[in-house]
């Protein structure tokens, strides 16, 4: 089982549950329709990675996200996640009305920083930034989300059990794009004005 680090200890999430189309500006940049209900999909444990890979045949797209780790049914800890997407393949699958898994759930498609524990009252004050090669490319917070984190948890629990150490990725703000080998990523999570996570990856 693949693992992530939470407060210095390693745990093995059984799954990663992701929210799609949760930021209006991101929906617009991909020319998608605003959903009438929450869009959810899953990545298996095998998709987890601490390394940032590049696509073998077609470029992958990065999607930086505020991510949470579940403990006792609650949002226990926060981390920075990269939802890697084979956009070309995803577009082909969507055009045919087929599932997205091949473009979203491949090995290495869920890249995670370390996680740090938080209080439930902290959730509304969290924000994220993604920097690539020294340039700020994405930033967002729960105010910009269509569905807030606690609403997301309630919706997931309505049809699938979230067990301890599962991860929930809450969607990506505008600014997604492709990248190449050697690009330097820095993902940051802030609690108010305080930076609580900064994690660097170099694309391989």
N, C-alpha and C. Protein backbone atom coordinates (compact mmCIF):
# COMPACT_ATOMS: atom_id res chain seq x y z
N UNK A 1 0.84 -1.21 0.00
CA UNK A 1 0.00 0.00 0.00
C UNK A 1 0.87 1.25 0.00
N UNK A 2 0.50 2.23 -0.81
CA UNK A 2 1.20 3.51 -0.83
C UNK A 2 0.83 4.31 0.42
N UNK A 3 1.76 5.14 0.89
CA UNK A 3 1.54 5.88 2.13
C UNK A 3 1.73 7.38 1.94
N UNK A 4 1.20 8.14 2.89
CA UNK A 4 1.46 9.57 2.99
C UNK A 4 1.87 9.87 4.43
N UNK A 5 2.46 11.04 4.65
CA UNK A 5 2.93 11.41 5.99
C UNK A 5 1.95 12.39 6.62
N UNK A 6 1.51 12.06 7.82
CA UNK A 6 0.60 12.92 8.59
C UNK A 6 1.23 13.19 9.95
N UNK A 7 1.53 14.44 10.22
CA UNK A 7 2.17 14.81 11.50
C UNK A 7 3.39 13.93 11.79
N UNK A 8 4.16 13.63 10.75
CA UNK A 8 5.40 12.87 10.91
C UNK A 8 5.25 11.37 10.88
N UNK A 9 4.03 10.85 10.83
CA UNK A 9 3.81 9.40 10.80
C UNK A 9 3.25 8.98 9.44
N UNK A 10 3.59 7.78 9.01
CA UNK A 10 3.11 7.28 7.72
C UNK A 10 1.80 6.52 7.90
N UNK A 11 0.85 6.79 7.01
CA UNK A 11 -0.43 6.08 6.99
C UNK A 11 -0.73 5.71 5.55
N UNK A 12 -1.61 4.70 5.39
CA UNK A 12 -1.95 4.21 4.05
C UNK A 12 -3.42 4.48 3.75
N UNK A 13 -3.72 5.50 2.95
CA UNK A 13 -5.12 5.76 2.57
C UNK A 13 -5.67 4.64 1.70
N UNK A 14 -6.92 4.27 1.92
CA UNK A 14 -7.51 3.23 1.08
C UNK A 14 -7.92 3.79 -0.28
N UNK A 15 -8.20 5.09 -0.32
CA UNK A 15 -8.66 5.71 -1.57
C UNK A 15 -8.52 7.22 -1.49
N UNK A 16 -8.61 7.84 -2.65
CA UNK A 16 -8.64 9.30 -2.76
C UNK A 16 -9.93 9.67 -3.48
N UNK A 17 -10.75 10.49 -2.85
CA UNK A 17 -12.00 10.93 -3.47
C UNK A 17 -11.82 12.38 -3.91
N UNK A 18 -12.14 12.65 -5.17
CA UNK A 18 -11.85 13.96 -5.77
C UNK A 18 -13.15 14.65 -6.20
N UNK A 19 -13.16 15.96 -6.02
CA UNK A 19 -14.28 16.78 -6.51
C UNK A 19 -13.87 17.41 -7.83
N UNK A 20 -14.67 17.21 -8.84
CA UNK A 20 -14.42 17.83 -10.13
C UNK A 20 -15.28 19.08 -10.30
N UNK A 21 -14.78 20.05 -11.06
CA UNK A 21 -15.55 21.25 -11.40
C UNK A 21 -16.10 21.96 -10.16
N UNK A 22 -15.19 22.28 -9.22
CA UNK A 22 -15.64 22.91 -7.98
C UNK A 22 -15.26 24.39 -7.91
N UNK A 23 -14.59 24.91 -8.94
CA UNK A 23 -14.25 26.33 -9.02
C UNK A 23 -14.78 26.86 -10.35
N UNK A 24 -15.60 27.89 -10.31
CA UNK A 24 -16.28 28.37 -11.52
C UNK A 24 -15.28 28.80 -12.60
N UNK A 25 -14.22 29.51 -12.21
CA UNK A 25 -13.26 29.99 -13.21
C UNK A 25 -12.52 28.83 -13.88
N UNK A 26 -12.27 27.75 -13.14
CA UNK A 26 -11.64 26.58 -13.75
C UNK A 26 -12.60 25.91 -14.74
N UNK A 27 -13.88 25.86 -14.39
CA UNK A 27 -14.87 25.30 -15.31
C UNK A 27 -14.85 26.08 -16.63
N UNK A 28 -14.78 27.40 -16.52
CA UNK A 28 -14.77 28.24 -17.72
C UNK A 28 -13.52 28.03 -18.56
N UNK A 29 -12.36 27.87 -17.90
CA UNK A 29 -11.12 27.76 -18.68
C UNK A 29 -11.06 26.46 -19.49
N UNK A 30 -11.82 25.43 -19.05
CA UNK A 30 -11.86 24.17 -19.80
C UNK A 30 -13.12 24.05 -20.65
N UNK A 31 -13.90 25.15 -20.71
CA UNK A 31 -15.13 25.19 -21.51
C UNK A 31 -16.11 24.08 -21.12
N UNK A 32 -16.20 23.81 -19.81
CA UNK A 32 -17.15 22.83 -19.31
C UNK A 32 -18.41 23.53 -18.82
N UNK A 33 -19.46 22.76 -18.65
CA UNK A 33 -20.69 23.29 -18.09
C UNK A 33 -20.63 23.27 -16.57
N UNK A 34 -21.23 24.26 -15.92
CA UNK A 34 -21.32 24.25 -14.46
C UNK A 34 -22.26 23.11 -14.07
N UNK A 35 -21.80 22.20 -13.21
CA UNK A 35 -22.63 21.03 -12.88
C UNK A 35 -23.82 21.41 -12.03
N UNK A 36 -24.91 20.65 -12.18
CA UNK A 36 -26.09 20.86 -11.35
C UNK A 36 -26.02 20.05 -10.06
N UNK A 37 -25.07 19.13 -9.96
CA UNK A 37 -24.82 18.39 -8.73
C UNK A 37 -23.32 18.13 -8.63
N UNK A 38 -22.88 17.72 -7.47
CA UNK A 38 -21.45 17.55 -7.22
C UNK A 38 -20.85 16.46 -8.11
N UNK A 39 -19.72 16.77 -8.75
CA UNK A 39 -18.99 15.80 -9.57
C UNK A 39 -17.92 15.15 -8.71
N UNK A 40 -17.99 13.84 -8.56
CA UNK A 40 -17.03 13.11 -7.73
C UNK A 40 -16.44 11.94 -8.51
N UNK A 41 -15.17 11.69 -8.29
CA UNK A 41 -14.53 10.51 -8.86
C UNK A 41 -13.45 10.06 -7.89
N UNK A 42 -12.94 8.85 -8.08
CA UNK A 42 -11.99 8.29 -7.13
C UNK A 42 -10.69 7.89 -7.80
N UNK A 43 -9.63 7.95 -7.02
CA UNK A 43 -8.33 7.42 -7.41
C UNK A 43 -7.97 6.34 -6.40
N UNK A 44 -7.40 5.22 -6.85
CA UNK A 44 -7.05 4.15 -5.92
C UNK A 44 -5.77 4.46 -5.17
N UNK A 45 -5.49 3.67 -4.16
CA UNK A 45 -4.24 3.82 -3.40
C UNK A 45 -3.03 3.76 -4.32
N UNK A 46 -3.09 2.97 -5.37
CA UNK A 46 -1.95 2.82 -6.29
C UNK A 46 -1.62 4.10 -7.04
N UNK A 47 -2.54 5.08 -7.07
CA UNK A 47 -2.29 6.35 -7.74
C UNK A 47 -1.46 7.30 -6.90
N UNK A 48 -1.34 7.03 -5.58
CA UNK A 48 -0.61 7.93 -4.69
C UNK A 48 0.88 7.94 -5.00
N UNK A 49 1.49 9.11 -4.85
CA UNK A 49 2.92 9.23 -5.09
C UNK A 49 3.46 10.47 -4.39
N UNK A 50 4.74 10.42 -4.08
CA UNK A 50 5.43 11.62 -3.57
C UNK A 50 6.28 12.24 -4.66
N UNK A 51 6.30 11.61 -5.85
CA UNK A 51 7.09 12.10 -6.98
C UNK A 51 6.17 12.61 -8.08
N UNK A 52 6.64 13.60 -8.82
CA UNK A 52 5.88 14.22 -9.91
C UNK A 52 6.39 13.67 -11.24
N UNK A 53 5.56 12.87 -11.89
CA UNK A 53 5.96 12.24 -13.14
C UNK A 53 5.49 13.08 -14.34
N UNK A 54 6.07 12.81 -15.49
CA UNK A 54 5.61 13.39 -16.73
C UNK A 54 5.01 12.28 -17.60
N UNK A 55 4.22 12.66 -18.60
CA UNK A 55 3.57 11.67 -19.45
C UNK A 55 4.54 11.00 -20.40
N UNK A 56 4.31 9.72 -20.62
CA UNK A 56 5.17 8.96 -21.53
C UNK A 56 4.90 9.30 -23.00
N UNK A 57 3.62 9.43 -23.37
CA UNK A 57 3.26 9.74 -24.76
C UNK A 57 2.72 11.16 -24.92
N UNK A 58 1.77 11.55 -24.06
CA UNK A 58 1.17 12.87 -24.16
C UNK A 58 1.41 13.65 -22.87
N UNK A 59 1.46 14.98 -22.94
CA UNK A 59 1.71 15.78 -21.74
C UNK A 59 0.60 15.58 -20.70
N UNK A 60 0.98 15.57 -19.44
CA UNK A 60 0.01 15.56 -18.36
C UNK A 60 -0.28 17.00 -17.94
N UNK A 61 -1.44 17.22 -17.35
CA UNK A 61 -1.79 18.51 -16.79
C UNK A 61 -1.73 18.42 -15.27
N UNK A 62 -1.29 19.50 -14.64
CA UNK A 62 -1.31 19.62 -13.19
C UNK A 62 -2.61 20.28 -12.76
N UNK A 63 -3.11 19.89 -11.59
CA UNK A 63 -4.25 20.54 -10.95
C UNK A 63 -3.95 20.57 -9.45
N UNK A 64 -3.55 21.73 -8.93
CA UNK A 64 -3.25 21.87 -7.52
C UNK A 64 -4.52 21.97 -6.69
N UNK A 65 -4.54 21.30 -5.52
CA UNK A 65 -5.77 21.25 -4.73
C UNK A 65 -5.49 21.25 -3.23
N UNK A 66 -6.39 21.89 -2.48
CA UNK A 66 -6.42 21.71 -1.03
C UNK A 66 -6.97 20.32 -0.77
N UNK A 67 -6.20 19.52 -0.05
CA UNK A 67 -6.57 18.13 0.18
C UNK A 67 -6.67 17.85 1.68
N UNK A 68 -7.57 16.96 2.03
CA UNK A 68 -7.80 16.66 3.44
C UNK A 68 -7.65 15.17 3.70
N UNK A 69 -7.20 14.85 4.90
CA UNK A 69 -7.14 13.46 5.35
C UNK A 69 -8.23 13.25 6.39
N UNK A 70 -8.90 12.11 6.29
CA UNK A 70 -10.06 11.81 7.14
C UNK A 70 -9.62 11.01 8.37
N UNK A 71 -10.18 11.36 9.50
CA UNK A 71 -9.99 10.59 10.73
C UNK A 71 -11.29 10.66 11.52
N UNK A 72 -11.85 9.49 11.85
CA UNK A 72 -13.12 9.40 12.58
C UNK A 72 -14.23 10.18 11.87
N UNK A 73 -14.22 10.11 10.55
CA UNK A 73 -15.27 10.73 9.75
C UNK A 73 -15.16 12.22 9.57
N UNK A 74 -14.09 12.82 10.09
CA UNK A 74 -13.94 14.26 10.02
C UNK A 74 -12.69 14.66 9.24
N UNK A 75 -12.63 15.91 8.82
CA UNK A 75 -11.44 16.46 8.17
C UNK A 75 -10.39 16.70 9.25
N UNK A 76 -9.43 15.79 9.32
CA UNK A 76 -8.47 15.78 10.43
C UNK A 76 -7.20 16.55 10.12
N UNK A 77 -6.76 16.50 8.86
CA UNK A 77 -5.48 17.10 8.48
C UNK A 77 -5.57 17.64 7.07
N UNK A 78 -4.70 18.60 6.74
CA UNK A 78 -4.70 19.22 5.42
C UNK A 78 -3.34 19.02 4.76
N UNK A 79 -3.36 18.91 3.44
CA UNK A 79 -2.13 18.80 2.67
C UNK A 79 -2.34 19.43 1.30
N UNK A 80 -1.26 19.52 0.54
CA UNK A 80 -1.34 20.02 -0.84
C UNK A 80 -1.28 18.82 -1.77
N UNK A 81 -2.26 18.73 -2.68
CA UNK A 81 -2.30 17.62 -3.61
C UNK A 81 -2.25 18.09 -5.06
N UNK A 82 -1.65 17.27 -5.91
CA UNK A 82 -1.65 17.49 -7.35
C UNK A 82 -2.45 16.36 -8.00
N UNK A 83 -3.57 16.73 -8.60
CA UNK A 83 -4.39 15.79 -9.36
C UNK A 83 -3.88 15.83 -10.79
N UNK A 84 -3.07 14.83 -11.15
CA UNK A 84 -2.51 14.79 -12.51
C UNK A 84 -3.54 14.20 -13.47
N UNK A 85 -3.60 14.80 -14.65
CA UNK A 85 -4.64 14.43 -15.61
C UNK A 85 -4.04 14.30 -17.01
N UNK A 86 -4.37 13.20 -17.68
CA UNK A 86 -4.06 13.07 -19.10
C UNK A 86 -5.21 13.74 -19.85
N UNK A 87 -5.07 15.05 -20.10
CA UNK A 87 -6.18 15.85 -20.62
C UNK A 87 -6.64 15.39 -22.00
N UNK A 88 -5.68 15.01 -22.84
CA UNK A 88 -6.05 14.56 -24.19
C UNK A 88 -6.92 13.32 -24.11
N UNK A 89 -6.52 12.36 -23.29
CA UNK A 89 -7.30 11.13 -23.13
C UNK A 89 -8.63 11.42 -22.46
N UNK A 90 -8.62 12.31 -21.46
CA UNK A 90 -9.86 12.65 -20.78
C UNK A 90 -10.87 13.24 -21.76
N UNK A 91 -10.41 14.11 -22.64
CA UNK A 91 -11.31 14.73 -23.62
C UNK A 91 -11.91 13.67 -24.55
N UNK A 92 -11.09 12.70 -24.95
CA UNK A 92 -11.59 11.62 -25.81
C UNK A 92 -12.66 10.80 -25.08
N UNK A 93 -12.40 10.47 -23.82
CA UNK A 93 -13.34 9.66 -23.05
C UNK A 93 -14.65 10.42 -22.81
N UNK A 94 -14.53 11.71 -22.47
CA UNK A 94 -15.73 12.51 -22.22
C UNK A 94 -16.58 12.62 -23.49
N UNK A 95 -15.93 12.76 -24.64
CA UNK A 95 -16.66 12.90 -25.90
C UNK A 95 -17.47 11.64 -26.22
N UNK A 96 -16.98 10.50 -25.74
CA UNK A 96 -17.67 9.23 -25.97
C UNK A 96 -18.60 8.85 -24.83
N UNK A 97 -18.67 9.70 -23.79
CA UNK A 97 -19.53 9.41 -22.65
C UNK A 97 -19.00 8.29 -21.78
N UNK A 98 -17.69 8.09 -21.80
CA UNK A 98 -17.07 7.00 -21.05
C UNK A 98 -16.46 7.51 -19.74
N UNK A 99 -16.20 6.63 -18.79
CA UNK A 99 -15.60 7.03 -17.51
C UNK A 99 -14.21 7.64 -17.69
N UNK A 100 -13.78 8.42 -16.69
CA UNK A 100 -12.51 9.16 -16.76
C UNK A 100 -11.32 8.39 -16.20
N UNK A 101 -11.52 7.23 -15.59
CA UNK A 101 -10.46 6.62 -14.78
C UNK A 101 -9.11 6.51 -15.49
N UNK A 102 -9.10 6.14 -16.75
CA UNK A 102 -7.82 5.95 -17.44
C UNK A 102 -7.01 7.25 -17.51
N UNK A 103 -7.71 8.39 -17.45
CA UNK A 103 -7.02 9.68 -17.53
C UNK A 103 -6.75 10.31 -16.17
N UNK A 104 -7.29 9.71 -15.10
CA UNK A 104 -7.23 10.33 -13.78
C UNK A 104 -6.67 9.40 -12.69
N UNK A 105 -6.74 8.10 -12.89
CA UNK A 105 -6.46 7.16 -11.80
C UNK A 105 -5.22 6.30 -12.05
N UNK A 106 -4.38 6.73 -12.98
CA UNK A 106 -3.18 5.95 -13.30
C UNK A 106 -2.14 6.05 -12.17
N UNK A 107 -1.15 5.17 -12.21
CA UNK A 107 -0.10 5.18 -11.20
C UNK A 107 0.60 6.54 -11.17
N UNK A 108 0.70 7.13 -9.98
CA UNK A 108 1.37 8.43 -9.85
C UNK A 108 0.48 9.63 -10.08
N UNK A 109 -0.83 9.42 -10.23
CA UNK A 109 -1.74 10.52 -10.58
C UNK A 109 -2.22 11.34 -9.39
N UNK A 110 -1.89 10.91 -8.17
CA UNK A 110 -2.27 11.67 -6.97
C UNK A 110 -1.01 11.96 -6.17
N UNK A 111 -0.44 13.13 -6.40
CA UNK A 111 0.84 13.51 -5.79
C UNK A 111 0.55 14.33 -4.54
N UNK A 112 1.08 13.88 -3.41
CA UNK A 112 0.72 14.51 -2.14
C UNK A 112 1.94 15.06 -1.39
N UNK A 113 1.73 16.20 -0.74
CA UNK A 113 2.69 16.72 0.22
C UNK A 113 2.49 15.97 1.54
N UNK A 114 3.21 16.39 2.57
CA UNK A 114 2.89 15.94 3.91
C UNK A 114 1.57 16.57 4.35
N UNK A 115 0.93 15.98 5.35
CA UNK A 115 -0.29 16.52 5.93
C UNK A 115 -0.03 16.98 7.36
N UNK A 116 -0.74 18.03 7.76
CA UNK A 116 -0.64 18.52 9.15
C UNK A 116 -2.06 18.60 9.71
N UNK A 117 -2.21 18.24 10.98
CA UNK A 117 -3.53 18.24 11.59
C UNK A 117 -4.05 19.66 11.78
N UNK A 118 -5.36 19.80 11.71
CA UNK A 118 -6.04 21.09 11.86
C UNK A 118 -7.30 20.90 12.69
N UNK A 119 -7.89 22.00 13.12
CA UNK A 119 -9.19 21.98 13.77
C UNK A 119 -10.27 22.24 12.71
N UNK A 120 -11.47 21.75 12.97
CA UNK A 120 -12.55 21.97 12.02
C UNK A 120 -12.79 23.45 11.79
N UNK A 121 -12.58 24.26 12.83
CA UNK A 121 -12.78 25.71 12.71
C UNK A 121 -11.76 26.37 11.79
N UNK A 122 -10.66 25.65 11.46
CA UNK A 122 -9.62 26.20 10.58
C UNK A 122 -10.00 26.11 9.11
N UNK A 123 -10.93 25.23 8.77
CA UNK A 123 -11.17 24.87 7.36
C UNK A 123 -11.50 26.08 6.50
N UNK A 124 -12.35 26.96 7.00
CA UNK A 124 -12.78 28.13 6.20
C UNK A 124 -11.64 29.12 5.98
N UNK A 125 -10.56 29.00 6.74
CA UNK A 125 -9.45 29.96 6.64
C UNK A 125 -8.26 29.41 5.86
N UNK A 126 -8.44 28.27 5.21
CA UNK A 126 -7.35 27.67 4.44
C UNK A 126 -7.32 28.20 3.01
N UNK A 127 -6.13 28.32 2.46
CA UNK A 127 -5.97 28.70 1.06
C UNK A 127 -4.74 27.99 0.49
N UNK A 128 -4.62 27.99 -0.82
CA UNK A 128 -3.51 27.31 -1.47
C UNK A 128 -2.89 28.18 -2.54
N UNK A 129 -1.61 27.90 -2.83
CA UNK A 129 -0.91 28.48 -3.96
C UNK A 129 -0.07 27.40 -4.61
N UNK A 130 0.05 27.46 -5.94
CA UNK A 130 0.98 26.61 -6.67
C UNK A 130 1.90 27.50 -7.49
N UNK A 131 3.19 27.31 -7.28
CA UNK A 131 4.23 28.03 -8.01
C UNK A 131 4.96 27.04 -8.91
N UNK A 132 5.21 27.44 -10.15
CA UNK A 132 6.01 26.61 -11.07
C UNK A 132 7.13 27.46 -11.63
N UNK A 133 8.34 27.00 -11.41
CA UNK A 133 9.54 27.72 -11.86
C UNK A 133 9.53 29.18 -11.40
N UNK A 134 9.07 29.39 -10.17
CA UNK A 134 9.09 30.72 -9.57
C UNK A 134 7.92 31.61 -9.90
N UNK A 135 6.97 31.12 -10.71
CA UNK A 135 5.80 31.92 -11.09
C UNK A 135 4.55 31.35 -10.42
N UNK A 136 3.72 32.22 -9.86
CA UNK A 136 2.46 31.80 -9.25
C UNK A 136 1.46 31.47 -10.36
N UNK A 137 1.00 30.20 -10.40
CA UNK A 137 0.10 29.78 -11.48
C UNK A 137 -1.31 29.46 -10.99
N UNK A 138 -1.46 29.13 -9.71
CA UNK A 138 -2.78 28.83 -9.17
C UNK A 138 -2.88 29.34 -7.74
N UNK A 139 -4.04 29.84 -7.38
CA UNK A 139 -4.33 30.14 -5.98
C UNK A 139 -5.83 30.05 -5.78
N UNK A 140 -6.23 29.63 -4.58
CA UNK A 140 -7.65 29.47 -4.30
C UNK A 140 -7.91 29.23 -2.84
N UNK A 141 -9.18 29.30 -2.47
CA UNK A 141 -9.60 29.04 -1.10
C UNK A 141 -11.05 28.57 -1.12
N UNK A 142 -11.57 28.23 0.05
CA UNK A 142 -12.91 27.67 0.10
C UNK A 142 -13.99 28.67 -0.32
N UNK A 143 -13.72 29.97 -0.21
CA UNK A 143 -14.69 30.97 -0.65
C UNK A 143 -14.99 30.85 -2.14
N UNK A 144 -14.01 30.36 -2.90
CA UNK A 144 -14.18 30.23 -4.36
C UNK A 144 -14.79 28.89 -4.77
N UNK A 145 -14.95 27.97 -3.81
CA UNK A 145 -15.49 26.66 -4.12
C UNK A 145 -17.01 26.71 -4.23
N UNK A 146 -17.55 25.99 -5.19
CA UNK A 146 -19.00 25.85 -5.29
C UNK A 146 -19.52 25.04 -4.10
N UNK A 147 -18.83 23.94 -3.81
CA UNK A 147 -19.18 23.09 -2.68
C UNK A 147 -18.06 23.17 -1.65
N UNK A 148 -18.40 23.60 -0.45
CA UNK A 148 -17.41 23.77 0.61
C UNK A 148 -16.99 22.40 1.16
N UNK A 149 -15.82 22.31 1.79
CA UNK A 149 -15.30 21.01 2.25
C UNK A 149 -16.27 20.19 3.10
N UNK A 150 -16.95 20.79 4.05
CA UNK A 150 -17.86 20.02 4.91
C UNK A 150 -19.05 19.50 4.11
N UNK A 151 -19.51 20.26 3.13
CA UNK A 151 -20.58 19.79 2.25
C UNK A 151 -20.12 18.62 1.41
N UNK A 152 -18.87 18.69 0.97
CA UNK A 152 -18.28 17.59 0.18
C UNK A 152 -18.27 16.30 1.00
N UNK A 153 -17.85 16.39 2.26
CA UNK A 153 -17.80 15.20 3.11
C UNK A 153 -19.19 14.59 3.28
N UNK A 154 -20.19 15.43 3.51
CA UNK A 154 -21.55 14.93 3.67
C UNK A 154 -22.02 14.21 2.41
N UNK A 155 -21.70 14.77 1.25
CA UNK A 155 -22.14 14.16 -0.01
C UNK A 155 -21.44 12.82 -0.24
N UNK A 156 -20.15 12.76 0.01
CA UNK A 156 -19.43 11.49 -0.17
C UNK A 156 -20.00 10.42 0.76
N UNK A 157 -20.23 10.80 2.02
CA UNK A 157 -20.75 9.84 3.00
C UNK A 157 -22.16 9.36 2.67
N UNK A 158 -22.85 10.06 1.77
CA UNK A 158 -24.21 9.65 1.40
C UNK A 158 -24.20 8.40 0.53
N UNK A 159 -23.04 8.05 -0.04
CA UNK A 159 -23.02 6.86 -0.90
C UNK A 159 -21.78 5.98 -0.73
N UNK A 160 -20.74 6.50 -0.03
CA UNK A 160 -19.50 5.72 0.11
C UNK A 160 -18.86 6.05 1.46
N UNK A 161 -18.45 5.03 2.18
CA UNK A 161 -17.88 5.24 3.51
C UNK A 161 -16.45 5.77 3.42
N UNK A 162 -16.20 6.88 4.09
CA UNK A 162 -14.85 7.39 4.22
C UNK A 162 -14.24 6.78 5.48
N UNK A 163 -13.17 6.03 5.32
CA UNK A 163 -12.52 5.39 6.46
C UNK A 163 -11.28 6.18 6.85
N UNK A 164 -10.76 5.90 8.03
CA UNK A 164 -9.59 6.63 8.52
C UNK A 164 -8.47 6.62 7.49
N UNK A 165 -7.88 7.80 7.30
CA UNK A 165 -6.73 8.05 6.42
C UNK A 165 -7.08 8.17 4.95
N UNK A 166 -8.36 8.06 4.60
CA UNK A 166 -8.74 8.39 3.23
C UNK A 166 -8.45 9.86 2.96
N UNK A 167 -8.25 10.20 1.70
CA UNK A 167 -7.96 11.57 1.30
C UNK A 167 -9.10 12.12 0.44
N UNK A 168 -9.45 13.37 0.68
CA UNK A 168 -10.45 14.07 -0.14
C UNK A 168 -9.77 15.28 -0.78
N UNK A 169 -9.81 15.34 -2.11
CA UNK A 169 -9.27 16.48 -2.87
C UNK A 169 -10.45 17.36 -3.29
N UNK A 170 -10.38 18.65 -2.99
CA UNK A 170 -11.56 19.51 -3.06
C UNK A 170 -11.71 20.31 -4.35
N UNK A 171 -10.95 19.98 -5.38
CA UNK A 171 -11.10 20.68 -6.65
C UNK A 171 -9.98 21.68 -6.88
N UNK A 172 -9.85 22.10 -8.12
CA UNK A 172 -8.73 22.95 -8.51
C UNK A 172 -9.20 24.31 -9.03
N UNK A 173 -8.52 25.38 -8.65
CA UNK A 173 -8.84 26.71 -9.20
C UNK A 173 -8.27 26.87 -10.61
N UNK A 174 -8.58 27.97 -11.24
CA UNK A 174 -8.09 28.22 -12.60
C UNK A 174 -6.56 28.27 -12.62
N UNK A 175 -6.01 28.04 -13.80
CA UNK A 175 -4.56 28.11 -13.96
C UNK A 175 -3.91 26.78 -14.25
N UNK A 176 -4.70 25.74 -14.55
CA UNK A 176 -4.13 24.43 -14.83
C UNK A 176 -3.41 24.46 -16.18
N UNK A 177 -2.54 23.49 -16.39
CA UNK A 177 -1.82 23.44 -17.66
C UNK A 177 -0.85 22.28 -17.70
N UNK A 178 -0.12 22.17 -18.78
CA UNK A 178 0.85 21.09 -18.94
C UNK A 178 2.20 21.52 -18.38
N UNK A 179 3.10 20.56 -18.26
CA UNK A 179 4.43 20.83 -17.72
C UNK A 179 5.40 19.83 -18.36
N UNK A 180 6.68 20.05 -18.15
CA UNK A 180 7.70 19.20 -18.75
C UNK A 180 8.72 18.77 -17.68
N UNK A 181 9.51 17.78 -18.05
CA UNK A 181 10.54 17.28 -17.15
C UNK A 181 11.48 18.42 -16.72
N UNK A 182 11.77 18.47 -15.44
CA UNK A 182 12.65 19.50 -14.90
C UNK A 182 11.93 20.69 -14.31
N UNK A 183 10.62 20.84 -14.59
CA UNK A 183 9.87 21.95 -13.99
C UNK A 183 9.85 21.80 -12.47
N UNK A 184 9.99 22.92 -11.78
CA UNK A 184 10.04 22.93 -10.32
C UNK A 184 8.71 23.44 -9.78
N UNK A 185 8.02 22.60 -9.03
CA UNK A 185 6.72 22.92 -8.44
C UNK A 185 6.91 23.18 -6.94
N UNK A 186 6.22 24.19 -6.44
CA UNK A 186 6.13 24.41 -4.99
C UNK A 186 4.66 24.62 -4.65
N UNK A 187 4.11 23.69 -3.86
CA UNK A 187 2.73 23.80 -3.41
C UNK A 187 2.69 24.31 -1.98
N UNK A 188 1.82 25.28 -1.73
CA UNK A 188 1.74 25.89 -0.40
C UNK A 188 0.31 25.90 0.11
N UNK A 189 0.17 25.65 1.42
CA UNK A 189 -1.10 25.78 2.11
C UNK A 189 -0.94 26.83 3.20
N UNK A 190 -1.92 27.72 3.28
CA UNK A 190 -1.92 28.78 4.28
C UNK A 190 -3.12 28.62 5.20
N UNK A 191 -2.92 28.92 6.47
CA UNK A 191 -4.00 29.06 7.44
C UNK A 191 -4.04 30.53 7.82
N UNK A 192 -5.01 31.24 7.28
CA UNK A 192 -4.99 32.69 7.40
C UNK A 192 -3.78 33.23 6.66
N UNK A 193 -2.95 34.00 7.34
CA UNK A 193 -1.74 34.55 6.73
C UNK A 193 -0.51 33.68 6.98
N UNK A 194 -0.67 32.58 7.71
CA UNK A 194 0.47 31.74 8.09
C UNK A 194 0.63 30.57 7.13
N UNK A 195 1.83 30.42 6.59
CA UNK A 195 2.12 29.28 5.73
C UNK A 195 2.35 28.05 6.60
N UNK A 196 1.52 27.02 6.41
CA UNK A 196 1.66 25.82 7.24
C UNK A 196 2.22 24.63 6.48
N UNK A 197 2.22 24.70 5.16
CA UNK A 197 2.83 23.65 4.33
C UNK A 197 3.50 24.30 3.14
N UNK A 198 4.71 23.85 2.84
CA UNK A 198 5.39 24.19 1.59
C UNK A 198 6.12 22.95 1.14
N UNK A 199 5.79 22.47 -0.04
CA UNK A 199 6.37 21.22 -0.54
C UNK A 199 6.85 21.41 -1.97
N UNK A 200 8.03 20.93 -2.26
CA UNK A 200 8.63 21.09 -3.59
C UNK A 200 8.75 19.76 -4.30
N UNK A 201 8.43 19.78 -5.60
CA UNK A 201 8.65 18.63 -6.46
C UNK A 201 9.38 19.11 -7.72
N UNK A 202 10.20 18.27 -8.28
CA UNK A 202 10.80 18.52 -9.59
C UNK A 202 10.31 17.42 -10.53
N UNK A 203 9.69 17.81 -11.62
CA UNK A 203 9.10 16.85 -12.54
C UNK A 203 10.15 15.91 -13.13
N UNK A 204 9.84 14.61 -13.10
CA UNK A 204 10.77 13.59 -13.60
C UNK A 204 10.30 12.99 -14.91
